[in-house]
Amino acid sequence: MTTLTTTPLAPLLDRLFKEADANSPAADPALAGLSATERERLMRSKTEYLDFYGRLKDYPLAVSRETGTLLYMLARTCRARTIVEFGASFGISTLHLAAALRDNGGGLLITSEFEPSKAARARENLAAGGLLDLVEVREGDALRTLGADLPDTIDLLLLDGAKALYSEILDLVESRLKPGACIVADDADRSPDYLARVRLPANGYLSVPFGGDVELSMRLGRA
């Protein structure tokens, strides 16, 4: 048995995933009025992301169940003790990663969330799952909150915030990624500059698409 599959976390995750499935931003009138082209432009914008994701503050924007399980498995497999997450939202992915830390014997997960109400929800869910002691929730723009006071070495990085900033967030943590560190980027197809970077071995990564919407990369060492 693992933390992921037992009480209190297993029933909590089941409830959160059901709520996420029933609460899609596609039904929001303010977003429904945007054309597909405009939505895509806003998601890829490096200057308008705060406004766009602010419109989504009431939606969980969760990873899939399969991606959540993948995150847990990767963190367990690499025996992660230090994890950085870009984009906590309601904390579903955070719960999976923190569960892996618990089952690895402890550690620290630093996660970022710029929307205050979402950061509060994430803390509530982490407390309900018995995992808050392993997590530091940094509230605010991740370009600032993840720009200092990071662990000397990072075992796993999850990118699941504003897609346009994936390369910028990688810039902040890259020097601390240990050789063999895992980098998981959700919906990475919306960040073509990031994909070009990690798919070029000369940049120090080995990278493959996984499951259709995830890019799974490994740090090879210094480029």
C-alpha atoms as a PDB file:
ATOM      1  CA  MET A   1       0.000   0.000   0.000  1.00  0.00           C
ATOM      2  CA  THR A   2       1.109   3.575  -0.654  1.00  0.00           C
ATOM      3  CA  THR A   3       0.103   7.037   0.447  1.00  0.00           C
ATOM      4  CA  LEU A   4      -1.449   7.505  -2.989  1.00  0.00           C
ATOM      5  CA  THR A   5      -3.811   4.546  -2.678  1.00  0.00           C
ATOM      6  CA  THR A   6      -4.897   4.812   0.947  1.00  0.00           C
ATOM      7  CA  THR A   7      -6.969   7.120   3.164  1.00  0.00           C
ATOM      8  CA  PRO A   8      -7.054  10.091   3.402  1.00  0.00           C
ATOM      9  CA  LEU A   9      -5.454  10.798   0.028  1.00  0.00           C
ATOM     10  CA  ALA A  10      -7.155   8.256  -2.256  1.00  0.00           C
ATOM     11  CA  PRO A  11     -10.759   9.378  -1.567  1.00  0.00           C
ATOM     12  CA  LEU A  12      -9.683  13.031  -1.630  1.00  0.00           C
ATOM     13  CA  LEU A  13      -8.149  12.658  -5.092  1.00  0.00           C
ATOM     14  CA  ASP A  14     -11.169  10.764  -6.349  1.00  0.00           C
ATOM     15  CA  ARG A  15     -13.415  13.642  -5.254  1.00  0.00           C
ATOM     16  CA  LEU A  16     -11.121  16.310  -6.708  1.00  0.00           C
ATOM     17  CA  PHE A  17     -10.884  14.578 -10.083  1.00  0.00           C
ATOM     18  CA  LYS A  18     -14.676  14.210 -10.240  1.00  0.00           C
ATOM     19  CA  GLU A  19     -15.077  17.899  -9.440  1.00  0.00           C
ATOM     20  CA  ALA A  20     -12.526  18.810 -12.095  1.00  0.00           C
ATOM     21  CA  ASP A  21     -14.335  16.691 -14.685  1.00  0.00           C
ATOM     22  CA  ALA A  22     -17.609  18.452 -13.875  1.00  0.00           C
ATOM     23  CA  ASN A  23     -16.155  21.959 -13.805  1.00  0.00           C
ATOM     24  CA  SER A  24     -14.760  22.693 -17.242  1.00  0.00           C
ATOM     25  CA  PRO A  25     -13.773  26.247 -18.269  1.00  0.00           C
ATOM     26  CA  ALA A  26     -15.260  25.503 -21.681  1.00  0.00           C
ATOM     27  CA  ALA A  27     -18.685  26.269 -20.191  1.00  0.00           C
ATOM     28  CA  ASP A  28     -17.637  29.716 -18.945  1.00  0.00           C
ATOM     29  CA  PRO A  29     -19.508  32.400 -20.974  1.00  0.00           C
ATOM     30  CA  ALA A  30     -16.539  34.779 -20.823  1.00  0.00           C
ATOM     31  CA  LEU A  31     -14.271  32.167 -22.338  1.00  0.00           C
ATOM     32  CA  ALA A  32     -16.833  30.687 -24.688  1.00  0.00           C
ATOM     33  CA  GLY A  33     -17.022  34.065 -26.412  1.00  0.00           C
ATOM     34  CA  LEU A  34     -13.369  33.879 -27.384  1.00  0.00           C
ATOM     35  CA  SER A  35     -12.484  32.351 -30.714  1.00  0.00           C
ATOM     36  CA  ALA A  36     -10.174  29.337 -30.741  1.00  0.00           C
ATOM     37  CA  THR A  37      -7.511  31.527 -32.324  1.00  0.00           C
ATOM     38  CA  GLU A  38      -7.796  34.154 -29.596  1.00  0.00           C
ATOM     39  CA  ARG A  39      -7.682  31.545 -26.818  1.00  0.00           C
ATOM     40  CA  GLU A  40      -4.579  30.025 -28.341  1.00  0.00           C
ATOM     41  CA  ARG A  41      -2.961  33.447 -28.687  1.00  0.00           C
ATOM     42  CA  LEU A  42      -3.628  34.293 -25.039  1.00  0.00           C
ATOM     43  CA  MET A  43      -2.292  30.952 -23.853  1.00  0.00           C
ATOM     44  CA  ARG A  44       0.944  31.514 -25.769  1.00  0.00           C
ATOM     45  CA  SER A  45       1.324  35.166 -24.793  1.00  0.00           C
ATOM     46  CA  LYS A  46       4.292  36.076 -22.599  1.00  0.00           C
ATOM     47  CA  THR A  47       2.640  39.370 -21.579  1.00  0.00           C
ATOM     48  CA  GLU A  48      -1.080  38.620 -21.125  1.00  0.00           C
ATOM     49  CA  TYR A  49      -0.901  35.333 -19.237  1.00  0.00           C
ATOM     50  CA  LEU A  50      -1.784  36.866 -15.849  1.00  0.00           C
ATOM     51  CA  ASP A  51      -5.059  38.265 -17.197  1.00  0.00           C
ATOM     52  CA  PHE A  52      -5.925  35.089 -19.100  1.00  0.00           C
ATOM     53  CA  TYR A  53      -5.268  32.699 -16.226  1.00  0.00           C
ATOM     54  CA  GLY A  54      -6.967  35.141 -13.861  1.00  0.00           C
ATOM     55  CA  ARG A  55     -10.163  34.450 -15.804  1.00  0.00           C
ATOM     56  CA  LEU A  56      -9.678  30.764 -14.954  1.00  0.00           C
ATOM     57  CA  LYS A  57      -9.286  31.227 -11.199  1.00  0.00           C
ATOM     58  CA  ASP A  58     -12.419  29.227 -10.388  1.00  0.00           C
ATOM     59  CA  TYR A  59     -11.382  26.198 -12.447  1.00  0.00           C
ATOM     60  CA  PRO A  60      -9.032  23.443 -11.285  1.00  0.00           C
ATOM     61  CA  LEU A  61      -7.187  23.030 -14.635  1.00  0.00           C
ATOM     62  CA  ALA A  62      -6.046  19.677 -13.313  1.00  0.00           C
ATOM     63  CA  VAL A  63      -3.665  17.142 -14.789  1.00  0.00           C
ATOM     64  CA  SER A  64      -5.341  13.963 -15.965  1.00  0.00           C
ATOM     65  CA  ARG A  65      -5.607  10.980 -13.637  1.00  0.00           C
ATOM     66  CA  GLU A  66      -3.030   9.203 -15.775  1.00  0.00           C
ATOM     67  CA  THR A  67      -0.598  12.113 -15.601  1.00  0.00           C
ATOM     68  CA  GLY A  68      -1.057  12.311 -11.841  1.00  0.00           C
ATOM     69  CA  THR A  69      -0.133   8.643 -11.495  1.00  0.00           C
ATOM     70  CA  LEU A  70       2.828   9.177 -13.827  1.00  0.00           C
ATOM     71  CA  LEU A  71       4.087  12.017 -11.627  1.00  0.00           C
ATOM     72  CA  TYR A  72       3.903   9.822  -8.545  1.00  0.00           C
ATOM     73  CA  MET A  73       5.697   6.962 -10.294  1.00  0.00           C
ATOM     74  CA  LEU A  74       8.465   9.181 -11.663  1.00  0.00           C
ATOM     75  CA  ALA A  75       9.090  10.813  -8.305  1.00  0.00           C
ATOM     76  CA  ARG A  76       9.239   7.410  -6.619  1.00  0.00           C
ATOM     77  CA  THR A  77      11.452   5.906  -9.307  1.00  0.00           C
ATOM     78  CA  CYS A  78      14.030   8.695  -9.136  1.00  0.00           C
ATOM     79  CA  ARG A  79      13.753   8.716  -5.329  1.00  0.00           C
ATOM     80  CA  ALA A  80      13.054  12.416  -5.409  1.00  0.00           C
ATOM     81  CA  ARG A  81      13.664  14.464  -2.283  1.00  0.00           C
ATOM     82  CA  THR A  82      13.452  17.921  -3.863  1.00  0.00           C
ATOM     83  CA  ILE A  83      10.726  18.865  -6.343  1.00  0.00           C
ATOM     84  CA  VAL A  84       9.735  22.180  -7.950  1.00  0.00           C
ATOM     85  CA  GLU A  85       6.301  22.700  -9.486  1.00  0.00           C
ATOM     86  CA  PHE A  86       5.216  25.579 -11.701  1.00  0.00           C
ATOM     87  CA  GLY A  87       1.435  25.975 -11.417  1.00  0.00           C
ATOM     88  CA  ALA A  88      -0.313  24.364  -8.442  1.00  0.00           C
ATOM     89  CA  SER A  89      -3.910  25.360  -9.264  1.00  0.00           C
ATOM     90  CA  PHE A  90      -6.068  23.425  -6.739  1.00  0.00           C
ATOM     91  CA  GLY A  91      -3.155  21.142  -5.878  1.00  0.00           C
ATOM     92  CA  ILE A  92      -4.068  17.874  -7.594  1.00  0.00           C
ATOM     93  CA  SER A  93      -0.658  17.389  -9.186  1.00  0.00           C
ATOM     94  CA  THR A  94       0.929  18.699  -5.977  1.00  0.00           C
ATOM     95  CA  LEU A  95      -0.805  15.977  -3.972  1.00  0.00           C
ATOM     96  CA  HIS A  96       0.604  13.258  -6.220  1.00  0.00           C
ATOM     97  CA  LEU A  97       4.135  14.617  -5.963  1.00  0.00           C
ATOM     98  CA  ALA A  98       3.933  15.154  -2.206  1.00  0.00           C
ATOM     99  CA  ALA A  99       2.635  11.600  -1.780  1.00  0.00           C
ATOM    100  CA  ALA A 100       5.747  10.349  -3.546  1.00  0.00           C
ATOM    101  CA  LEU A 101       7.942  12.402  -1.216  1.00  0.00           C
ATOM    102  CA  ARG A 102       6.132  10.903   1.780  1.00  0.00           C
ATOM    103  CA  ASP A 103       6.714   7.388   0.465  1.00  0.00           C
ATOM    104  CA  ASN A 104      10.343   8.237  -0.360  1.00  0.00           C
ATOM    105  CA  GLY A 105      10.911   9.081   3.287  1.00  0.00           C
ATOM    106  CA  GLY A 106      10.418  12.851   3.148  1.00  0.00           C
ATOM    107  CA  GLY A 107      11.666  15.898   1.290  1.00  0.00           C
ATOM    108  CA  LEU A 108      10.523  19.288   0.036  1.00  0.00           C
ATOM    109  CA  LEU A 109       8.164  20.278  -2.751  1.00  0.00           C
ATOM    110  CA  ILE A 110       8.183  23.959  -3.707  1.00  0.00           C
ATOM    111  CA  THR A 111       5.127  24.876  -5.741  1.00  0.00           C
ATOM    112  CA  SER A 112       4.007  28.188  -7.206  1.00  0.00           C
ATOM    113  CA  GLU A 113       0.566  29.676  -7.822  1.00  0.00           C
ATOM    114  CA  PHE A 114      -0.091  33.301  -8.737  1.00  0.00           C
ATOM    115  CA  GLU A 115      -3.842  33.284  -8.025  1.00  0.00           C
ATOM    116  CA  PRO A 116      -4.420  33.739  -4.236  1.00  0.00           C
ATOM    117  CA  SER A 117      -7.709  31.820  -4.132  1.00  0.00           C
ATOM    118  CA  LYS A 118      -6.123  28.847  -5.869  1.00  0.00           C
ATOM    119  CA  ALA A 119      -3.129  28.896  -3.548  1.00  0.00           C
ATOM    120  CA  ALA A 120      -5.555  28.797  -0.613  1.00  0.00           C
ATOM    121  CA  ARG A 121      -7.435  25.850  -2.138  1.00  0.00           C
ATOM    122  CA  ALA A 122      -4.170  24.012  -2.747  1.00  0.00           C
ATOM    123  CA  ARG A 123      -3.151  24.461   0.902  1.00  0.00           C
ATOM    124  CA  GLU A 124      -6.558  23.229   2.064  1.00  0.00           C
ATOM    125  CA  ASN A 125      -6.325  20.130  -0.104  1.00  0.00           C
ATOM    126  CA  LEU A 126      -2.766  19.409   0.995  1.00  0.00           C
ATOM    127  CA  ALA A 127      -3.834  19.695   4.630  1.00  0.00           C
ATOM    128  CA  ALA A 128      -6.796  17.375   3.999  1.00  0.00           C
ATOM    129  CA  GLY A 129      -4.441  14.876   2.387  1.00  0.00           C
ATOM    130  CA  GLY A 130      -2.020  15.024   5.303  1.00  0.00           C
ATOM    131  CA  LEU A 131       0.808  16.322   3.111  1.00  0.00           C
ATOM    132  CA  LEU A 132       1.070  20.047   3.834  1.00  0.00           C
ATOM    133  CA  ASP A 133       4.197  19.575   5.943  1.00  0.00           C
ATOM    134  CA  LEU A 134       6.116  18.534   2.820  1.00  0.00           C
ATOM    135  CA  VAL A 135       5.071  21.471   0.649  1.00  0.00           C
ATOM    136  CA  GLU A 136       5.961  25.151   0.449  1.00  0.00           C
ATOM    137  CA  VAL A 137       3.321  27.043  -1.530  1.00  0.00           C
ATOM    138  CA  ARG A 138       4.765  30.239  -3.010  1.00  0.00           C
ATOM    139  CA  GLU A 139       2.072  32.698  -3.989  1.00  0.00           C
ATOM    140  CA  GLY A 140       2.670  35.175  -6.818  1.00  0.00           C
ATOM    141  CA  ASP A 141       4.207  35.333 -10.272  1.00  0.00           C
ATOM    142  CA  ALA A 142       6.531  32.341 -10.595  1.00  0.00           C
ATOM    143  CA  LEU A 143       9.078  34.432 -12.486  1.00  0.00           C
ATOM    144  CA  ARG A 144       9.696  36.027  -9.086  1.00  0.00           C
ATOM    145  CA  THR A 145       8.725  33.346  -6.580  1.00  0.00           C
ATOM    146  CA  LEU A 146      10.894  30.674  -8.223  1.00  0.00           C
ATOM    147  CA  GLY A 147      13.733  33.086  -8.894  1.00  0.00           C
ATOM    148  CA  ALA A 148      15.440  32.624  -5.515  1.00  0.00           C
ATOM    149  CA  ASP A 149      15.784  30.340  -2.488  1.00  0.00           C
ATOM    150  CA  LEU A 150      15.627  27.038  -4.341  1.00  0.00           C
ATOM    151  CA  PRO A 151      17.327  23.812  -3.208  1.00  0.00           C
ATOM    152  CA  ASP A 152      20.909  23.334  -4.367  1.00  0.00           C
ATOM    153  CA  THR A 153      19.818  20.269  -6.333  1.00  0.00           C
ATOM    154  CA  ILE A 154      16.404  19.510  -7.816  1.00  0.00           C
ATOM    155  CA  ASP A 155      15.315  15.963  -8.607  1.00  0.00           C
ATOM    156  CA  LEU A 156      12.093  16.661 -10.503  1.00  0.00           C
ATOM    157  CA  LEU A 157      10.506  19.683 -12.164  1.00  0.00           C
ATOM    158  CA  LEU A 158       6.841  19.893 -13.175  1.00  0.00           C
ATOM    159  CA  LEU A 159       5.802  22.595 -15.627  1.00  0.00           C
ATOM    160  CA  ASP A 160       2.031  23.079 -15.587  1.00  0.00           C
ATOM    161  CA  GLY A 161       1.442  26.829 -15.397  1.00  0.00           C
ATOM    162  CA  ALA A 162       1.296  29.427 -18.168  1.00  0.00           C
ATOM    163  CA  LYS A 163       2.581  27.529 -21.206  1.00  0.00           C
ATOM    164  CA  ALA A 164       4.327  30.556 -22.677  1.00  0.00           C
ATOM    165  CA  LEU A 165       6.678  30.665 -19.677  1.00  0.00           C
ATOM    166  CA  TYR A 166       7.995  27.111 -19.715  1.00  0.00           C
ATOM    167  CA  SER A 167      11.410  28.120 -21.073  1.00  0.00           C
ATOM    168  CA  GLU A 168      11.645  31.063 -18.665  1.00  0.00           C
ATOM    169  CA  ILE A 169      10.893  28.831 -15.674  1.00  0.00           C
ATOM    170  CA  LEU A 170      13.426  26.291 -16.910  1.00  0.00           C
ATOM    171  CA  ASP A 171      15.978  29.113 -17.023  1.00  0.00           C
ATOM    172  CA  LEU A 172      15.390  29.740 -13.314  1.00  0.00           C
ATOM    173  CA  VAL A 173      15.966  26.162 -12.180  1.00  0.00           C
ATOM    174  CA  GLU A 174      18.185  24.627 -14.856  1.00  0.00           C
ATOM    175  CA  SER A 175      21.490  25.118 -13.039  1.00  0.00           C
ATOM    176  CA  ARG A 176      20.074  23.212 -10.049  1.00  0.00           C
ATOM    177  CA  LEU A 177      18.725  20.205 -11.945  1.00  0.00           C
ATOM    178  CA  LYS A 178      20.893  17.248 -11.093  1.00  0.00           C
ATOM    179  CA  PRO A 179      22.019  14.899 -13.891  1.00  0.00           C
ATOM    180  CA  GLY A 180      19.181  12.423 -14.349  1.00  0.00           C
ATOM    181  CA  ALA A 181      16.540  14.835 -13.060  1.00  0.00           C
ATOM    182  CA  CYS A 182      13.073  14.429 -14.600  1.00  0.00           C
ATOM    183  CA  ILE A 183      11.214  17.333 -16.192  1.00  0.00           C
ATOM    184  CA  VAL A 184       7.512  16.880 -16.924  1.00  0.00           C
ATOM    185  CA  ALA A 185       5.768  19.512 -19.049  1.00  0.00           C
ATOM    186  CA  ASP A 186       1.989  19.248 -19.349  1.00  0.00           C
ATOM    187  CA  ASP A 187       0.371  20.548 -22.564  1.00  0.00           C
ATOM    188  CA  ALA A 188       3.874  21.252 -23.869  1.00  0.00           C
ATOM    189  CA  ASP A 189       2.623  21.449 -27.457  1.00  0.00           C
ATOM    190  CA  ARG A 190       1.508  24.991 -26.567  1.00  0.00           C
ATOM    191  CA  SER A 191       5.118  25.950 -25.826  1.00  0.00           C
ATOM    192  CA  PRO A 192       7.029  25.334 -29.086  1.00  0.00           C
ATOM    193  CA  ASP A 193      10.150  27.185 -27.935  1.00  0.00           C
ATOM    194  CA  TYR A 194      10.356  24.930 -24.884  1.00  0.00           C
ATOM    195  CA  LEU A 195       9.947  21.794 -26.999  1.00  0.00           C
ATOM    196  CA  ALA A 196      12.647  22.919 -29.417  1.00  0.00           C
ATOM    197  CA  ARG A 197      14.978  23.466 -26.479  1.00  0.00           C
ATOM    198  CA  VAL A 198      14.567  20.139 -24.667  1.00  0.00           C
ATOM    199  CA  ARG A 199      14.424  18.061 -27.840  1.00  0.00           C
ATOM    200  CA  LEU A 200      17.906  19.181 -28.898  1.00  0.00           C
ATOM    201  CA  PRO A 201      20.419  16.869 -27.171  1.00  0.00           C
ATOM    202  CA  ALA A 202      23.119  19.533 -27.450  1.00  0.00           C
ATOM    203  CA  ASN A 203      21.137  21.508 -24.851  1.00  0.00           C
ATOM    204  CA  GLY A 204      21.643  18.753 -22.310  1.00  0.00           C
ATOM    205  CA  TYR A 205      18.317  16.908 -22.400  1.00  0.00           C
ATOM    206  CA  LEU A 206      16.838  13.647 -23.594  1.00  0.00           C
ATOM    207  CA  SER A 207      13.159  14.204 -24.332  1.00  0.00           C
ATOM    208  CA  VAL A 208      10.133  12.348 -25.679  1.00  0.00           C
ATOM    209  CA  PRO A 209       6.392  13.093 -25.985  1.00  0.00           C
ATOM    210  CA  PHE A 210       4.304  10.940 -23.677  1.00  0.00           C
ATOM    211  CA  GLY A 211       0.594  10.223 -23.728  1.00  0.00           C
ATOM    212  CA  GLY A 212      -0.220  12.836 -26.328  1.00  0.00           C
ATOM    213  CA  ASP A 213      -0.082  15.954 -24.144  1.00  0.00           C
ATOM    214  CA  VAL A 214       2.981  15.519 -21.925  1.00  0.00           C
ATOM    215  CA  GLU A 215       6.655  16.034 -22.703  1.00  0.00           C
ATOM    216  CA  LEU A 216       8.914  13.896 -20.547  1.00  0.00           C
ATOM    217  CA  SER A 217      12.555  14.981 -20.387  1.00  0.00           C
ATOM    218  CA  MET A 218      15.685  13.989 -18.514  1.00  0.00           C
ATOM    219  CA  ARG A 219      18.589  16.263 -17.651  1.00  0.00           C
ATOM    220  CA  LEU A 220      21.759  14.760 -19.075  1.00  0.00           C
ATOM    221  CA  GLY A 221      24.153  17.183 -17.419  1.00  0.00           C
ATOM    222  CA  ARG A 222      25.675  20.476 -18.310  1.00  0.00           C
ATOM    223  CA  ALA A 223      25.145  21.459 -21.941  1.00  0.00           C
END
